[in-house]
Amino acid sequence: MTLKDKYGTEVAVTNNQDKHQFEISYPEDAVTAGFAAYLDNNDSRIFYHTVVGDEFSGKGLASILVAEALEATKEAGLTVVPVCPFVKGFVEKNGFEGYRKPNLEDLELVKSQA
C-alpha cells in the first residue's frame, strides 16, 4: 500500500531499529520529515516522543506515522504504551486496541533516556 500525505505526495514509514524510532520520509527527496521514538520493554513498546518538522506541518504526517508505527507494533505482538501525548490521543480517538496505560516502571524507563 502506498502512503500519501494530505496533498497526495508519497511518503514512507520505516522502523529505524538502531535509533529506536519509526521515521516518516519523502522517498523522492530522501528527506526524513519526522519520527516517533520508542523503547521496547519486555512485551511492550513505549512511545514517548513524536516530532514532525515545522516545515512539514499541516500535511497529516504525524497521524500517518503513528498509525503505521502502531500497526507494526501490533503485528510484532507487542503492547503499545502511549507516553507521548500525540500517541495517547491517537489511540483514544481511533479506538486502537492493543494498548495499555503507562505504569511507573514505564515512566522511569523513559526518564532514564532523557
Protein backbone atom coordinates (compact mmCIF):
# COMPACT_ATOMS: atom_id res chain seq x y z
CA MET A 1 0.00 0.00 0.00
CA THR A 2 1.31 3.43 -0.93
CA LEU A 3 1.10 6.05 1.78
CA LYS A 4 0.36 9.64 0.79
CA ASP A 5 0.23 12.92 2.67
CA LYS A 6 -2.80 15.23 2.53
CA TYR A 7 -1.54 16.63 -0.77
CA GLY A 8 -1.09 13.25 -2.47
CA THR A 9 2.69 13.13 -2.22
CA GLU A 10 4.11 9.69 -1.49
CA VAL A 11 5.59 9.12 1.96
CA ALA A 12 7.21 6.10 3.61
CA VAL A 13 7.32 4.93 7.22
CA THR A 14 10.25 2.78 8.33
CA ASN A 15 11.39 1.38 11.64
CA ASN A 16 14.93 2.58 12.34
CA GLN A 17 15.72 -0.05 14.97
CA ASP A 18 19.21 1.33 15.61
CA LYS A 19 17.72 4.66 16.71
CA HIS A 20 14.60 3.07 18.28
CA GLN A 21 12.24 5.18 16.22
CA PHE A 22 9.79 4.97 13.38
CA GLU A 23 10.58 7.57 10.73
CA ILE A 24 8.41 9.17 8.08
CA SER A 25 10.07 10.41 4.96
CA TYR A 26 9.57 11.56 1.42
CA PRO A 27 11.34 8.85 -0.63
CA GLU A 28 11.52 11.06 -3.71
CA ASP A 29 13.74 13.56 -1.87
CA ALA A 30 15.20 11.17 0.73
CA VAL A 31 14.11 13.68 3.36
CA THR A 32 13.11 12.48 6.84
CA ALA A 33 10.17 14.60 7.97
CA GLY A 34 9.66 13.22 11.47
CA PHE A 35 9.90 10.35 13.91
CA ALA A 36 8.15 8.53 16.75
CA ALA A 37 10.67 7.41 19.37
CA TYR A 38 10.09 4.26 21.39
CA LEU A 39 11.60 1.95 23.96
CA ASP A 40 10.95 -1.77 23.98
CA ASN A 41 10.47 -3.28 27.43
CA ASN A 42 9.56 -6.97 27.65
CA ASP A 43 6.33 -7.37 25.64
CA SER A 44 5.62 -3.63 25.43
CA ARG A 45 6.71 -0.79 23.18
CA ILE A 46 6.65 2.57 24.93
CA PHE A 47 6.13 5.53 22.58
CA TYR A 48 7.47 8.61 24.34
CA HIS A 49 8.14 11.32 21.75
CA THR A 50 6.76 12.20 18.33
CA VAL A 51 8.16 15.01 16.19
CA VAL A 52 7.39 16.29 12.71
CA GLY A 53 9.49 19.17 11.42
CA ASP A 54 7.74 22.56 11.31
CA GLU A 55 8.31 22.77 7.57
CA PHE A 56 6.16 19.64 7.15
CA SER A 57 3.26 20.65 9.40
CA GLY A 58 -0.30 20.51 8.12
CA LYS A 59 0.31 17.53 5.85
CA GLY A 60 -1.07 14.84 8.18
CA LEU A 61 2.33 13.23 8.63
CA ALA A 62 2.15 12.68 12.39
CA SER A 63 -1.10 10.72 12.05
CA ILE A 64 0.28 8.60 9.20
CA LEU A 65 3.49 7.97 11.14
CA VAL A 66 1.73 6.96 14.35
CA ALA A 67 -0.86 4.79 12.58
CA GLU A 68 1.88 2.84 10.79
CA ALA A 69 4.06 2.58 13.92
CA LEU A 70 1.15 1.26 16.00
CA GLU A 71 0.18 -1.27 13.34
CA ALA A 72 3.77 -2.53 13.08
CA THR A 73 3.94 -2.80 16.86
CA LYS A 74 0.71 -4.77 16.97
CA GLU A 75 1.96 -7.08 14.18
CA ALA A 76 5.14 -7.66 16.21
CA GLY A 77 2.98 -8.90 19.08
CA LEU A 78 3.88 -6.01 21.36
CA THR A 79 1.56 -3.91 23.51
CA VAL A 80 1.56 -0.18 22.80
CA VAL A 81 2.25 2.06 25.80
CA PRO A 82 1.48 5.69 24.90
CA VAL A 83 3.51 8.14 26.99
CA CYS A 84 3.69 10.68 24.16
CA PRO A 85 0.57 12.91 24.26
CA PHE A 86 0.09 12.65 20.48
CA VAL A 87 0.18 8.83 20.54
CA LYS A 88 -2.14 8.77 23.57
CA GLY A 89 -4.64 10.99 21.78
CA PHE A 90 -4.37 8.91 18.62
CA VAL A 91 -5.13 5.58 20.31
CA GLU A 92 -8.06 7.06 22.21
CA LYS A 93 -9.53 8.92 19.21
CA ASN A 94 -9.19 5.96 16.84
CA GLY A 95 -10.23 3.16 19.21
CA PHE A 96 -6.89 1.40 18.76
CA GLU A 97 -6.86 -1.97 20.51
CA GLY A 98 -3.70 -3.42 21.96
CA TYR A 99 -2.52 -0.66 24.25
CA ARG A 100 -2.30 -0.10 27.98
CA LYS A 101 -1.75 2.94 30.14
CA PRO A 102 1.84 3.59 31.22
CA ASN A 103 2.86 2.42 34.69
CA LEU A 104 5.58 3.72 36.99
CA GLU A 105 8.20 1.36 35.52
CA ASP A 106 7.45 2.65 32.01
CA LEU A 107 7.77 6.27 33.11
CA GLU A 108 11.03 5.61 34.95
CA LEU A 109 12.45 3.91 31.85
CA VAL A 110 11.53 6.94 29.71
CA LYS A 111 13.07 9.31 32.28
CA SER A 112 16.30 7.33 32.20
CA GLN A 113 16.62 8.09 28.46
CA ALA A 114 16.48 11.87 28.92
